[in-house]
C-alpha atoms as a PDB file:
ATOM      1  CA  PHE A   1      -1.584 -14.751   8.369  1.00  0.00           C
ATOM      2  CA  LEU A   2      -2.113 -12.488   5.335  1.00  0.00           C
ATOM      3  CA  THR A   3      -1.342 -15.170   2.760  1.00  0.00           C
ATOM      4  CA  GLY A   4      -4.414 -17.160   3.782  1.00  0.00           C
ATOM      5  CA  ARG A   5      -6.719 -14.172   3.283  1.00  0.00           C
ATOM      6  CA  ARG A   6      -8.337 -12.599   0.237  1.00  0.00           C
ATOM      7  CA  MET A   7      -8.304  -8.866   0.930  1.00  0.00           C
ATOM      8  CA  PRO A   8      -6.774  -5.575  -0.263  1.00  0.00           C
ATOM      9  CA  ILE A   9      -3.255  -4.952   1.103  1.00  0.00           C
ATOM     10  CA  PHE A  10      -1.506  -1.567   0.897  1.00  0.00           C
ATOM     11  CA  THR A  11       2.242  -1.563   1.570  1.00  0.00           C
ATOM     12  CA  ASN A  12       5.380   0.453   0.909  1.00  0.00           C
ATOM     13  CA  SER A  13       7.544  -2.679   1.160  1.00  0.00           C
ATOM     14  CA  PHE A  14       8.788  -4.486  -1.952  1.00  0.00           C
ATOM     15  CA  PRO A  15       9.531  -7.763  -0.106  1.00  0.00           C
ATOM     16  CA  ILE A  16       6.041  -7.895   1.426  1.00  0.00           C
ATOM     17  CA  ALA A  17       4.362  -7.049  -1.880  1.00  0.00           C
ATOM     18  CA  GLU A  18       6.404  -9.668  -3.740  1.00  0.00           C
ATOM     19  CA  HIS A  19       5.650 -12.371  -1.163  1.00  0.00           C
ATOM     20  CA  LEU A  20       1.923 -11.642  -1.188  1.00  0.00           C
ATOM     21  CA  LEU A  21       1.798 -11.575  -4.994  1.00  0.00           C
ATOM     22  CA  LYS A  22       3.476 -14.980  -5.180  1.00  0.00           C
ATOM     23  CA  HIS A  23       1.730 -16.697  -2.267  1.00  0.00           C
ATOM     24  CA  SER A  24      -1.767 -15.247  -1.887  1.00  0.00           C
ATOM     25  CA  LYS A  25      -4.877 -14.096  -3.698  1.00  0.00           C
ATOM     26  CA  ASN A  26      -4.808 -10.670  -2.020  1.00  0.00           C
ATOM     27  CA  THR A  27      -5.050  -7.472  -4.030  1.00  0.00           C
ATOM     28  CA  VAL A  28      -1.672  -5.764  -3.468  1.00  0.00           C
ATOM     29  CA  MET A  29      -1.277  -1.981  -3.758  1.00  0.00           C
ATOM     30  CA  LEU A  30       2.060  -0.158  -3.544  1.00  0.00           C
ATOM     31  CA  SER A  31       2.668   3.471  -2.705  1.00  0.00           C
ATOM     32  CA  GLY A  32       4.403   5.493  -5.413  1.00  0.00           C
ATOM     33  CA  GLY A  33       7.693   7.292  -4.913  1.00  0.00           C
ATOM     34  CA  THR A  34      11.402   6.750  -4.495  1.00  0.00           C
ATOM     35  CA  ILE A  35      12.732   3.270  -3.789  1.00  0.00           C
ATOM     36  CA  TYR A  36      15.231   3.112  -0.919  1.00  0.00           C
ATOM     37  CA  ARG A  37      17.253  -0.059  -1.441  1.00  0.00           C
ATOM     38  CA  GLU A  38      18.760  -0.426   2.024  1.00  0.00           C
ATOM     39  CA  GLN A  39      15.396  -0.191   3.786  1.00  0.00           C
ATOM     40  CA  ASN A  40      13.392  -1.938   1.002  1.00  0.00           C
ATOM     41  CA  ILE A  41      10.691   0.725   1.115  1.00  0.00           C
ATOM     42  CA  ILE A  42       9.041   3.208  -1.242  1.00  0.00           C
ATOM     43  CA  LEU A  43       8.510   6.798  -0.075  1.00  0.00           C
ATOM     44  CA  SER A  44       6.610   9.495  -1.911  1.00  0.00           C
ATOM     45  CA  PRO A  45       8.345  12.875  -2.233  1.00  0.00           C
ATOM     46  CA  PHE A  46       4.921  14.572  -2.275  1.00  0.00           C
ATOM     47  CA  ASP A  47       2.962  15.732   0.765  1.00  0.00           C
ATOM     48  CA  ASN A  48      -0.356  14.690  -0.757  1.00  0.00           C
ATOM     49  CA  ASP A  49       0.290  11.141  -1.934  1.00  0.00           C
ATOM     50  CA  VAL A  50      -2.010   8.127  -2.158  1.00  0.00           C
ATOM     51  CA  THR A  51      -1.361   7.115   1.458  1.00  0.00           C
ATOM     52  CA  ARG A  52      -3.414  10.051   2.707  1.00  0.00           C
ATOM     53  CA  ASN A  53      -6.480   8.624   0.941  1.00  0.00           C
ATOM     54  CA  PHE A  54      -6.156   5.059   2.231  1.00  0.00           C
ATOM     55  CA  TYR A  55      -8.105   3.986   5.300  1.00  0.00           C
ATOM     56  CA  ALA A  56      -8.123   0.617   7.022  1.00  0.00           C
ATOM     57  CA  ARG A  57      -9.498  -1.033  10.144  1.00  0.00           C
ATOM     58  CA  ARG A  58      -6.144  -2.697  10.894  1.00  0.00           C
ATOM     59  CA  MET A  59      -2.528  -1.682  10.426  1.00  0.00           C
ATOM     60  CA  PHE A  60       0.660  -3.698  10.916  1.00  0.00           C
ATOM     61  CA  MET A  61       4.002  -1.990  11.362  1.00  0.00           C
ATOM     62  CA  GLY A  62       7.478  -2.735  12.622  1.00  0.00           C
ATOM     63  CA  ALA A  63       9.818  -0.781  14.895  1.00  0.00           C
ATOM     64  CA  GLN A  64      13.163  -1.180  16.651  1.00  0.00           C
ATOM     65  CA  GLY A  65      11.582  -1.017  20.085  1.00  0.00           C
ATOM     66  CA  LEU A  66       8.749   0.162  22.290  1.00  0.00           C
ATOM     67  CA  GLY A  67       9.218   2.578  25.182  1.00  0.00           C
ATOM     68  CA  PRO A  68       7.216   4.877  27.475  1.00  0.00           C
ATOM     69  CA  LEU A  69       6.983   7.461  24.675  1.00  0.00           C
ATOM     70  CA  GLY A  70       5.831   4.939  22.074  1.00  0.00           C
ATOM     71  CA  LEU A  71       7.528   3.249  19.134  1.00  0.00           C
ATOM     72  CA  MET A  72      11.269   3.745  18.641  1.00  0.00           C
ATOM     73  CA  GLU A  73      13.108   3.672  15.315  1.00  0.00           C
ATOM     74  CA  GLY A  74      16.632   4.881  14.528  1.00  0.00           C
ATOM     75  CA  ASP A  75      16.380   5.183  10.738  1.00  0.00           C
ATOM     76  CA  PRO A  76      14.873   8.557   9.670  1.00  0.00           C
ATOM     77  CA  LEU A  77      13.543   7.067   6.421  1.00  0.00           C
ATOM     78  CA  LEU A  78      11.665   4.365   8.297  1.00  0.00           C
ATOM     79  CA  ILE A  79      10.233   7.003  10.632  1.00  0.00           C
ATOM     80  CA  GLN A  80       8.949   8.914   7.601  1.00  0.00           C
ATOM     81  CA  ALA A  81       7.427   5.742   6.163  1.00  0.00           C
END
């Protein structure tokens, strides 16, 4: 879906950024911070990072499951992301 578009994409995922850079004409922006290899994400150690200044009409995210209380995720780093 996103590879056929030409739009700004903000992600904290290396694999998604790499795929979009290779296979699309999207503008790809990455958050700054620490790279967590196992989860393939980047998390900022600062409370006021660039993610607080980014606004979008649509957001895509993943989770382990969905329940009555909302999204469920077991990995604390992914919850923080």
